[in-house]
Amino acid sequence: MNMESIARYLMLGGIILFLVGGGVYFAAKFGIPLGRLPGDIRIEGENGSFYFPVTSSILISVVLSILLNIISRFLKK
């Protein structure tokens, strides 16, 4: 692997992080309750709590899969 391909992967990773950050920002701005959706598991007890965002994880996974498929199709052309 040469330096150019490493640089491309780093730039692509930066773009993806920028898009994810923007998505989280706009989700908070428009009131989309990521982390508080129906289906997210929250168990609170006396000695601690457990939280697992099942629905939010699935939603984020679907959105990222769609975005990455679109990006990969543009890079192949």
N, C-alpha and C. Protein backbone atom coordinates (compact mmCIF):
# COMPACT_ATOMS: atom_id res chain seq x y z
N MET A 1 0.86 -1.17 0.00
CA MET A 1 0.00 0.00 0.00
C MET A 1 0.90 1.24 0.00
N ASN A 2 0.62 2.15 -0.90
CA ASN A 2 1.44 3.36 -0.97
C ASN A 2 0.78 4.51 -0.21
N MET A 3 1.48 5.60 -0.13
CA MET A 3 1.01 6.75 0.65
C MET A 3 -0.25 7.38 0.06
N GLU A 4 -0.40 7.33 -1.25
CA GLU A 4 -1.60 7.91 -1.86
C GLU A 4 -2.86 7.17 -1.46
N SER A 5 -2.80 5.85 -1.43
CA SER A 5 -3.99 5.09 -1.05
C SER A 5 -4.30 5.27 0.43
N ILE A 6 -3.27 5.38 1.27
CA ILE A 6 -3.50 5.65 2.69
C ILE A 6 -4.15 7.01 2.87
N ALA A 7 -3.68 8.00 2.11
CA ALA A 7 -4.25 9.34 2.19
C ALA A 7 -5.71 9.34 1.75
N ARG A 8 -6.03 8.58 0.71
CA ARG A 8 -7.42 8.50 0.25
C ARG A 8 -8.32 7.89 1.31
N TYR A 9 -7.84 6.81 1.95
CA TYR A 9 -8.64 6.18 3.00
C TYR A 9 -8.84 7.13 4.19
N LEU A 10 -7.81 7.87 4.54
CA LEU A 10 -7.95 8.82 5.64
C LEU A 10 -8.92 9.95 5.30
N MET A 11 -8.87 10.43 4.07
CA MET A 11 -9.80 11.48 3.67
C MET A 11 -11.23 10.95 3.63
N LEU A 12 -11.42 9.74 3.13
CA LEU A 12 -12.75 9.14 3.09
C LEU A 12 -13.28 8.94 4.51
N GLY A 13 -12.42 8.48 5.41
CA GLY A 13 -12.82 8.34 6.81
C GLY A 13 -13.20 9.67 7.44
N GLY A 14 -12.46 10.73 7.11
CA GLY A 14 -12.79 12.06 7.61
C GLY A 14 -14.12 12.56 7.09
N ILE A 15 -14.38 12.31 5.82
CA ILE A 15 -15.66 12.71 5.23
C ILE A 15 -16.81 11.96 5.89
N ILE A 16 -16.62 10.67 6.13
CA ILE A 16 -17.67 9.87 6.77
C ILE A 16 -17.92 10.37 8.19
N LEU A 17 -16.85 10.65 8.94
CA LEU A 17 -17.02 11.18 10.30
C LEU A 17 -17.72 12.54 10.28
N PHE A 18 -17.38 13.37 9.30
CA PHE A 18 -18.03 14.68 9.17
C PHE A 18 -19.53 14.51 8.91
N LEU A 19 -19.88 13.59 8.01
CA LEU A 19 -21.29 13.36 7.69
C LEU A 19 -22.05 12.79 8.89
N VAL A 20 -21.43 11.86 9.60
CA VAL A 20 -22.08 11.29 10.79
C VAL A 20 -22.28 12.37 11.85
N GLY A 21 -21.26 13.19 12.06
CA GLY A 21 -21.39 14.29 13.02
C GLY A 21 -22.48 15.27 12.63
N GLY A 22 -22.55 15.59 11.35
CA GLY A 22 -23.62 16.47 10.88
C GLY A 22 -24.98 15.86 11.04
N GLY A 23 -25.07 14.54 10.80
CA GLY A 23 -26.35 13.86 11.00
C GLY A 23 -26.80 13.88 12.45
N VAL A 24 -25.87 13.66 13.36
CA VAL A 24 -26.21 13.70 14.79
C VAL A 24 -26.61 15.12 15.19
N TYR A 25 -25.89 16.10 14.67
CA TYR A 25 -26.22 17.51 14.98
C TYR A 25 -27.63 17.85 14.50
N PHE A 26 -27.94 17.49 13.25
CA PHE A 26 -29.27 17.81 12.72
C PHE A 26 -30.36 16.98 13.37
N ALA A 27 -30.05 15.77 13.79
CA ALA A 27 -31.03 14.96 14.52
C ALA A 27 -31.39 15.65 15.83
N ALA A 28 -30.40 16.18 16.53
CA ALA A 28 -30.67 16.90 17.77
C ALA A 28 -31.39 18.22 17.50
N LYS A 29 -31.01 18.88 16.42
CA LYS A 29 -31.61 20.18 16.09
C LYS A 29 -33.09 20.04 15.73
N PHE A 30 -33.46 18.97 15.02
CA PHE A 30 -34.84 18.77 14.59
C PHE A 30 -35.64 17.90 15.54
N GLY A 31 -35.06 17.52 16.67
CA GLY A 31 -35.81 16.82 17.69
C GLY A 31 -35.99 15.32 17.46
N ILE A 32 -35.15 14.72 16.64
CA ILE A 32 -35.21 13.26 16.46
C ILE A 32 -34.57 12.62 17.68
N PRO A 33 -35.32 11.82 18.42
CA PRO A 33 -34.83 11.35 19.73
C PRO A 33 -33.93 10.12 19.65
N LEU A 34 -32.78 10.25 18.97
CA LEU A 34 -31.86 9.11 18.92
C LEU A 34 -31.42 8.77 20.34
N GLY A 35 -31.51 7.50 20.68
CA GLY A 35 -31.18 7.06 22.02
C GLY A 35 -32.38 6.98 22.93
N ARG A 36 -33.51 7.51 22.48
CA ARG A 36 -34.74 7.47 23.27
C ARG A 36 -35.92 6.97 22.45
N LEU A 37 -35.64 6.16 21.45
CA LEU A 37 -36.69 5.63 20.60
C LEU A 37 -37.37 4.43 21.25
N PRO A 38 -38.60 4.13 20.85
CA PRO A 38 -39.24 2.92 21.35
C PRO A 38 -38.43 1.70 20.91
N GLY A 39 -38.17 0.80 21.81
CA GLY A 39 -37.36 -0.36 21.52
C GLY A 39 -35.96 -0.27 22.11
N ASP A 40 -35.55 0.92 22.52
CA ASP A 40 -34.27 1.06 23.22
C ASP A 40 -34.46 0.53 24.64
N ILE A 41 -33.52 -0.27 25.08
CA ILE A 41 -33.65 -0.95 26.38
C ILE A 41 -32.99 -0.10 27.47
N ARG A 42 -33.75 0.16 28.51
CA ARG A 42 -33.22 0.90 29.66
C ARG A 42 -33.72 0.21 30.92
N ILE A 43 -32.78 -0.24 31.75
CA ILE A 43 -33.12 -0.89 33.01
C ILE A 43 -32.39 -0.12 34.11
N GLU A 44 -33.16 0.42 35.05
CA GLU A 44 -32.57 1.17 36.15
C GLU A 44 -32.88 0.47 37.46
N GLY A 45 -31.87 0.31 38.27
CA GLY A 45 -32.04 -0.33 39.57
C GLY A 45 -31.42 0.52 40.67
N GLU A 46 -31.39 -0.03 41.87
CA GLU A 46 -30.81 0.70 42.99
C GLU A 46 -29.32 0.92 42.83
N ASN A 47 -28.62 -0.11 42.37
CA ASN A 47 -27.16 -0.06 42.35
C ASN A 47 -26.57 0.35 41.01
N GLY A 48 -27.39 0.58 40.03
CA GLY A 48 -26.86 0.97 38.73
C GLY A 48 -27.93 0.93 37.66
N SER A 49 -27.49 1.13 36.46
CA SER A 49 -28.43 1.11 35.35
C SER A 49 -27.77 0.48 34.13
N PHE A 50 -28.61 0.00 33.22
CA PHE A 50 -28.17 -0.62 31.97
C PHE A 50 -28.94 0.02 30.84
N TYR A 51 -28.25 0.41 29.78
CA TYR A 51 -28.89 1.05 28.65
C TYR A 51 -28.31 0.48 27.37
N PHE A 52 -29.18 0.02 26.48
CA PHE A 52 -28.75 -0.49 25.19
C PHE A 52 -29.71 0.02 24.12
N PRO A 53 -29.25 0.93 23.24
CA PRO A 53 -30.12 1.53 22.23
C PRO A 53 -30.30 0.64 20.99
N VAL A 54 -31.16 -0.37 21.09
CA VAL A 54 -31.36 -1.33 20.01
C VAL A 54 -31.93 -0.64 18.77
N THR A 55 -33.04 0.05 18.93
CA THR A 55 -33.72 0.67 17.79
C THR A 55 -32.86 1.77 17.18
N SER A 56 -32.24 2.57 18.01
CA SER A 56 -31.38 3.64 17.50
C SER A 56 -30.20 3.06 16.72
N SER A 57 -29.63 1.96 17.20
CA SER A 57 -28.52 1.31 16.51
C SER A 57 -28.95 0.80 15.14
N ILE A 58 -30.11 0.19 15.07
CA ILE A 58 -30.61 -0.33 13.79
C ILE A 58 -30.87 0.82 12.82
N LEU A 59 -31.47 1.90 13.30
CA LEU A 59 -31.76 3.05 12.44
C LEU A 59 -30.47 3.67 11.91
N ILE A 60 -29.48 3.85 12.76
CA ILE A 60 -28.20 4.42 12.33
C ILE A 60 -27.51 3.48 11.35
N SER A 61 -27.60 2.18 11.58
CA SER A 61 -26.98 1.20 10.68
C SER A 61 -27.61 1.25 9.29
N VAL A 62 -28.91 1.36 9.22
CA VAL A 62 -29.60 1.42 7.93
C VAL A 62 -29.20 2.69 7.18
N VAL A 63 -29.20 3.82 7.87
CA VAL A 63 -28.86 5.09 7.23
C VAL A 63 -27.41 5.07 6.74
N LEU A 64 -26.49 4.58 7.56
CA LEU A 64 -25.09 4.52 7.15
C LEU A 64 -24.88 3.54 5.99
N SER A 65 -25.61 2.44 5.98
CA SER A 65 -25.50 1.49 4.87
C SER A 65 -25.94 2.13 3.56
N ILE A 66 -27.02 2.86 3.60
CA ILE A 66 -27.50 3.55 2.40
C ILE A 66 -26.49 4.58 1.93
N LEU A 67 -25.97 5.40 2.86
CA LEU A 67 -25.00 6.42 2.49
C LEU A 67 -23.72 5.81 1.93
N LEU A 68 -23.21 4.76 2.55
CA LEU A 68 -21.98 4.14 2.06
C LEU A 68 -22.19 3.47 0.71
N ASN A 69 -23.36 2.91 0.46
CA ASN A 69 -23.64 2.34 -0.87
C ASN A 69 -23.68 3.42 -1.94
N ILE A 70 -24.27 4.55 -1.61
CA ILE A 70 -24.32 5.67 -2.56
C ILE A 70 -22.91 6.18 -2.84
N ILE A 71 -22.11 6.35 -1.79
CA ILE A 71 -20.73 6.84 -1.96
C ILE A 71 -19.91 5.85 -2.78
N SER A 72 -20.05 4.56 -2.50
CA SER A 72 -19.26 3.57 -3.25
C SER A 72 -19.67 3.52 -4.71
N ARG A 73 -20.92 3.73 -5.01
CA ARG A 73 -21.35 3.74 -6.42
C ARG A 73 -20.77 4.94 -7.16
N PHE A 74 -20.67 6.10 -6.47
CA PHE A 74 -20.08 7.27 -7.12
C PHE A 74 -18.58 7.10 -7.31
N LEU A 75 -17.92 6.40 -6.39
CA LEU A 75 -16.47 6.21 -6.53
C LEU A 75 -16.10 5.20 -7.60
N LYS A 76 -17.01 4.27 -7.90
CA LYS A 76 -16.74 3.26 -8.92
C LYS A 76 -16.85 3.82 -10.32
N LYS A 77 -17.61 4.89 -10.51
CA LYS A 77 -17.82 5.46 -11.86
C LYS A 77 -16.70 6.35 -12.28
